[in-house]
Amino acid sequence: METNRMKERFVPTSGKEVDLRKIFSTIKNKLLMIVLLTGAITVLGILYNSQSEPNIYSSSSRVMIAATNDMMSTVRALVREPIVLNRVIEDLGLNATAGQLRSQIRVDSVEQSLITVIAVADTNPDRAADIANAVVTVYRSVAAETLGISSIRLLTSAVPEPSPINVKSNTIVYVAFVVGLILSLSLAFLLESLDDSIRTEQDIENTLGITMLGQVSKIKRGHSRIQAKKIKPAIIRSETIGS
């Protein structure tokens, strides 16, 4: 009894092998659909990535604001207020509104310190630097007038940056390929699961619950005609002999 139990433990199961064969069979049968769908989505990603967009340049100035923690957030928020932006637009003669200029300006603190970075993004690198420097100049004046804070010190003036910040990459193409591959494989296995037609001996055994002992090979027409021609003379000879 103990020997039989040990044999049962070490008997290899073919369940995983059958599953792998089914997976590979599904991929092979739906290979054309997988290739076409993956290729189509990848092409869409390439077309989207090839769209022409204007280069965006960023330039920034650094200032140090000597203010209390309670006032710091208010002082920094003043940079992007219309009272500052409208004067910058007027001084530089910009063809933009305060709202449009606000979307180009970003204000960040450096590691929770007194240093503040005022960055400006624009399609022209020289104009980006000019706007950043003008914002700092007007901001220091307005802060002294409205908040009584004159301890804003310029640390670094903005200079034009020759390299754009929106350099294109092929990431969107790779993402489109992976998404297309996942969708096509998912669709292939979905269609395979919905297909209840019988194709293999395994399908017959699973459907009818019986074990196949053998199968009859397909007989071609040419083969059956040859067999008929060989049999017919024998029949005639037997009739002649019998008569």
Protein backbone atom coordinates (compact mmCIF):
# COMPACT_ATOMS: atom_id res chain seq x y z
CA MET A 1 0.00 0.00 0.00
CA GLU A 2 2.78 2.40 0.94
CA THR A 3 4.56 1.73 -2.35
CA ASN A 4 1.40 2.49 -4.33
CA ARG A 5 0.93 5.78 -2.48
CA MET A 6 4.48 6.80 -3.24
CA LYS A 7 3.94 5.98 -6.93
CA GLU A 8 0.79 8.11 -6.97
CA ARG A 9 2.70 11.05 -5.52
CA PHE A 10 5.35 10.97 -8.22
CA VAL A 11 3.05 10.39 -11.18
CA PRO A 12 3.50 13.45 -13.44
CA THR A 13 0.36 15.32 -14.39
CA SER A 14 -0.13 16.59 -17.90
CA GLY A 15 -2.58 19.36 -16.99
CA LYS A 16 -0.05 22.19 -17.32
CA GLU A 17 1.28 20.75 -20.56
CA VAL A 18 -2.22 20.64 -22.02
CA ASP A 19 -2.82 24.26 -20.96
CA LEU A 20 0.40 25.42 -22.57
CA ARG A 21 -0.46 23.62 -25.78
CA LYS A 22 -3.86 25.24 -25.80
CA ILE A 23 -2.33 28.68 -25.26
CA PHE A 24 0.15 28.23 -28.08
CA SER A 25 -2.57 26.81 -30.31
CA THR A 26 -4.79 29.83 -29.66
CA ILE A 27 -1.95 32.24 -30.44
CA LYS A 28 -1.12 30.32 -33.62
CA ASN A 29 -4.73 30.31 -34.82
CA LYS A 30 -5.24 34.02 -34.08
CA LEU A 31 -1.74 35.14 -35.07
CA LEU A 32 -2.89 37.23 -38.02
CA MET A 33 -5.46 39.09 -35.92
CA ILE A 34 -2.91 39.68 -33.15
CA VAL A 35 -0.34 41.07 -35.59
CA LEU A 36 -2.85 43.33 -37.38
CA LEU A 37 -4.42 44.75 -34.21
CA THR A 38 -1.07 45.30 -32.50
CA GLY A 39 0.33 46.92 -35.64
CA ALA A 40 -2.69 49.20 -36.03
CA ILE A 41 -2.49 50.51 -32.47
CA THR A 42 1.28 50.96 -32.76
CA VAL A 43 0.81 52.97 -35.96
CA LEU A 44 -1.69 55.20 -34.17
CA GLY A 45 0.90 55.78 -31.45
CA ILE A 46 3.51 56.68 -34.08
CA LEU A 47 1.13 59.13 -35.77
CA TYR A 48 0.25 60.73 -32.43
CA ASN A 49 3.92 61.03 -31.49
CA SER A 50 4.83 62.56 -34.86
CA GLN A 51 2.46 65.50 -34.46
CA SER A 52 4.35 68.78 -34.67
CA GLU A 53 4.35 70.85 -31.50
CA PRO A 54 6.17 74.12 -30.81
CA ASN A 55 9.28 73.91 -28.67
CA ILE A 56 8.85 75.19 -25.11
CA TYR A 57 11.75 76.84 -23.30
CA SER A 58 11.99 77.48 -19.58
CA SER A 59 13.94 80.16 -17.76
CA SER A 60 13.99 80.84 -14.04
CA SER A 61 15.06 83.43 -11.49
CA ARG A 62 15.91 82.80 -7.85
CA VAL A 63 14.98 85.12 -5.02
CA MET A 64 15.25 84.91 -1.25
CA ILE A 65 12.22 86.03 0.73
CA ALA A 66 12.81 86.95 4.35
CA ALA A 67 9.33 86.49 5.78
CA THR A 68 7.70 84.59 8.62
CA ASN A 69 6.16 81.17 8.07
CA ASP A 70 2.67 82.66 8.36
CA MET A 71 3.37 85.22 5.64
CA MET A 72 5.49 83.06 3.34
CA SER A 73 2.61 81.42 1.46
CA THR A 74 0.92 84.80 0.90
CA VAL A 75 4.11 86.46 -0.28
CA ARG A 76 4.81 83.67 -2.77
CA ALA A 77 1.22 83.63 -4.06
CA LEU A 78 1.53 87.33 -4.86
CA VAL A 79 3.86 86.49 -7.78
CA ARG A 80 1.01 85.17 -9.92
CA GLU A 81 -1.58 87.79 -9.06
CA PRO A 82 -2.97 90.20 -11.70
CA ILE A 83 -1.54 93.21 -9.85
CA VAL A 84 1.92 91.91 -10.78
CA LEU A 85 1.15 90.28 -14.12
CA ASN A 86 -0.65 93.26 -15.64
CA ARG A 87 2.33 95.50 -14.96
CA VAL A 88 4.67 92.91 -16.52
CA ILE A 89 2.48 92.74 -19.63
CA GLU A 90 2.51 96.53 -19.86
CA ASP A 91 6.26 96.87 -19.34
CA LEU A 92 7.17 94.22 -21.92
CA GLY A 93 4.32 94.96 -24.33
CA LEU A 94 3.15 91.34 -24.32
CA ASN A 95 0.14 90.26 -26.35
CA ALA A 96 -1.38 88.21 -23.55
CA THR A 97 -3.84 88.41 -20.70
CA ALA A 98 -3.07 88.03 -17.01
CA GLY A 99 -4.64 84.56 -17.06
CA GLN A 100 -2.51 83.44 -20.00
CA LEU A 101 0.65 84.77 -18.39
CA ARG A 102 -0.23 83.08 -15.10
CA SER A 103 -0.31 79.69 -16.86
CA GLN A 104 3.29 80.27 -17.98
CA ILE A 105 4.64 81.02 -14.49
CA ARG A 106 5.51 78.52 -11.80
CA VAL A 107 6.63 79.35 -8.26
CA ASP A 108 8.44 76.73 -6.16
CA SER A 109 10.35 76.77 -2.90
CA VAL A 110 13.78 75.13 -2.65
CA GLU A 111 13.60 72.38 -0.01
CA GLN A 112 11.28 74.37 2.28
CA SER A 113 13.82 77.19 2.54
CA LEU A 114 13.55 80.95 2.08
CA ILE A 115 14.75 80.60 -1.53
CA THR A 116 12.02 80.75 -4.17
CA VAL A 117 12.33 79.82 -7.84
CA ILE A 118 10.21 81.76 -10.34
CA ALA A 119 10.18 79.81 -13.62
CA VAL A 120 8.61 80.96 -16.89
CA ALA A 121 7.83 78.75 -19.90
CA ASP A 122 7.53 80.23 -23.38
CA THR A 123 8.03 79.34 -27.03
CA ASN A 124 10.84 81.92 -27.23
CA PRO A 125 13.86 81.39 -24.92
CA ASP A 126 14.77 85.09 -24.83
CA ARG A 127 11.21 86.13 -24.04
CA ALA A 128 11.01 83.52 -21.27
CA ALA A 129 14.09 85.04 -19.59
CA ASP A 130 12.77 88.58 -20.05
CA ILE A 131 9.43 87.68 -18.48
CA ALA A 132 11.08 85.95 -15.52
CA ASN A 133 13.31 88.95 -14.79
CA ALA A 134 10.44 91.41 -15.25
CA VAL A 135 8.21 89.40 -12.91
CA VAL A 136 10.88 89.53 -10.18
CA THR A 137 11.35 93.28 -10.60
CA VAL A 138 7.63 94.08 -10.49
CA TYR A 139 7.01 91.54 -7.74
CA ARG A 140 9.57 93.10 -5.40
CA SER A 141 8.00 96.52 -5.93
CA VAL A 142 4.42 95.32 -5.43
CA ALA A 143 5.35 93.29 -2.33
CA ALA A 144 6.88 96.36 -0.74
CA GLU A 145 3.84 98.50 -1.61
CA THR A 146 1.06 96.08 -0.60
CA LEU A 147 2.56 93.87 2.08
CA GLY A 148 5.32 96.12 3.38
CA ILE A 149 7.93 93.43 2.66
CA SER A 150 11.12 94.88 1.22
CA SER A 151 13.38 91.99 2.15
CA ILE A 152 13.07 90.16 -1.18
CA ARG A 153 16.57 89.75 -2.58
CA LEU A 154 17.44 88.68 -6.11
CA LEU A 155 19.90 85.79 -6.07
CA THR A 156 20.06 84.72 -9.72
CA SER A 157 18.70 86.43 -12.81
CA ALA A 158 17.09 84.40 -15.57
CA VAL A 159 19.08 83.67 -18.71
CA PRO A 160 17.86 82.16 -22.01
CA GLU A 161 18.06 78.37 -22.16
CA PRO A 162 18.80 77.03 -25.66
CA SER A 163 17.38 73.54 -25.05
CA PRO A 164 13.60 73.00 -25.07
CA ILE A 165 11.95 71.20 -22.18
CA ASN A 166 9.44 69.26 -24.30
CA VAL A 167 11.86 66.99 -26.17
CA LYS A 168 9.98 64.19 -27.88
CA SER A 169 10.56 60.59 -26.89
CA ASN A 170 9.36 57.25 -28.22
CA THR A 171 7.69 56.31 -24.95
CA ILE A 172 4.20 56.73 -26.40
CA VAL A 173 5.11 54.34 -29.24
CA TYR A 174 6.30 51.66 -26.83
CA VAL A 175 3.19 52.11 -24.70
CA ALA A 176 0.97 51.81 -27.78
CA PHE A 177 2.74 48.58 -28.80
CA VAL A 178 2.32 47.02 -25.35
CA VAL A 179 -1.33 48.09 -25.12
CA GLY A 180 -2.02 46.75 -28.61
CA LEU A 181 -0.36 43.44 -27.79
CA ILE A 182 -2.32 43.05 -24.56
CA LEU A 183 -5.63 43.94 -26.22
CA SER A 184 -5.04 41.62 -29.18
CA LEU A 185 -4.07 38.70 -26.95
CA SER A 186 -7.06 39.32 -24.69
CA LEU A 187 -9.38 39.43 -27.71
CA ALA A 188 -7.84 36.24 -29.12
CA PHE A 189 -8.41 34.28 -25.89
CA LEU A 190 -11.90 35.76 -25.55
CA LEU A 191 -12.88 34.61 -29.04
CA GLU A 192 -11.33 31.23 -28.34
CA SER A 193 -13.35 30.83 -25.15
CA LEU A 194 -16.58 31.72 -26.99
CA ASP A 195 -15.85 29.24 -29.79
CA ASP A 196 -17.58 25.94 -28.92
CA SER A 197 -16.74 24.10 -32.14
CA ILE A 198 -15.02 20.70 -31.95
CA ARG A 199 -11.62 20.58 -33.61
CA THR A 200 -9.37 18.12 -31.83
CA GLU A 201 -9.59 14.71 -30.19
CA GLN A 202 -9.27 16.42 -26.82
CA ASP A 203 -12.37 18.51 -27.56
CA ILE A 204 -14.34 15.34 -28.37
CA GLU A 205 -13.24 13.62 -25.17
CA ASN A 206 -14.06 16.68 -23.06
CA THR A 207 -17.47 17.17 -24.71
CA LEU A 208 -18.69 13.56 -24.79
CA GLY A 209 -16.83 12.30 -21.74
CA ILE A 210 -15.44 9.28 -23.59
CA THR A 211 -11.99 8.14 -24.57
CA MET A 212 -11.15 7.88 -28.27
CA LEU A 213 -9.66 4.60 -29.40
CA GLY A 214 -8.67 5.79 -32.86
CA GLN A 215 -9.64 7.90 -35.82
CA VAL A 216 -10.37 7.36 -39.51
CA SER A 217 -8.10 9.29 -41.80
CA LYS A 218 -9.64 11.49 -44.47
CA ILE A 219 -10.10 9.71 -47.80
CA LYS A 220 -9.39 11.78 -50.86
CA ARG A 221 -11.49 11.44 -54.03
CA GLY A 222 -8.57 10.44 -56.17
CA HIS A 223 -7.66 7.65 -53.78
CA SER A 224 -11.23 6.29 -53.76
CA ARG A 225 -11.40 6.28 -57.58
CA ILE A 226 -8.15 4.34 -57.82
CA GLN A 227 -9.48 1.76 -55.37
CA ALA A 228 -12.74 1.46 -57.35
CA LYS A 229 -10.88 0.88 -60.60
CA LYS A 230 -8.82 -1.86 -59.02
CA ILE A 231 -11.88 -3.63 -57.59
CA LYS A 232 -14.10 -3.49 -60.69
CA PRO A 233 -12.11 -5.91 -62.95
CA ALA A 234 -12.04 -8.50 -60.20
CA ILE A 235 -15.81 -8.43 -59.98
CA ILE A 236 -16.18 -8.86 -63.72
CA ARG A 237 -13.78 -11.80 -63.78
CA SER A 238 -15.64 -13.46 -60.94
CA GLU A 239 -18.94 -13.09 -62.82
CA THR A 240 -17.39 -14.57 -65.95
CA ILE A 241 -15.93 -17.53 -64.10
CA GLY A 242 -19.15 -18.13 -62.26
CA SER A 243 -21.16 -18.21 -65.48
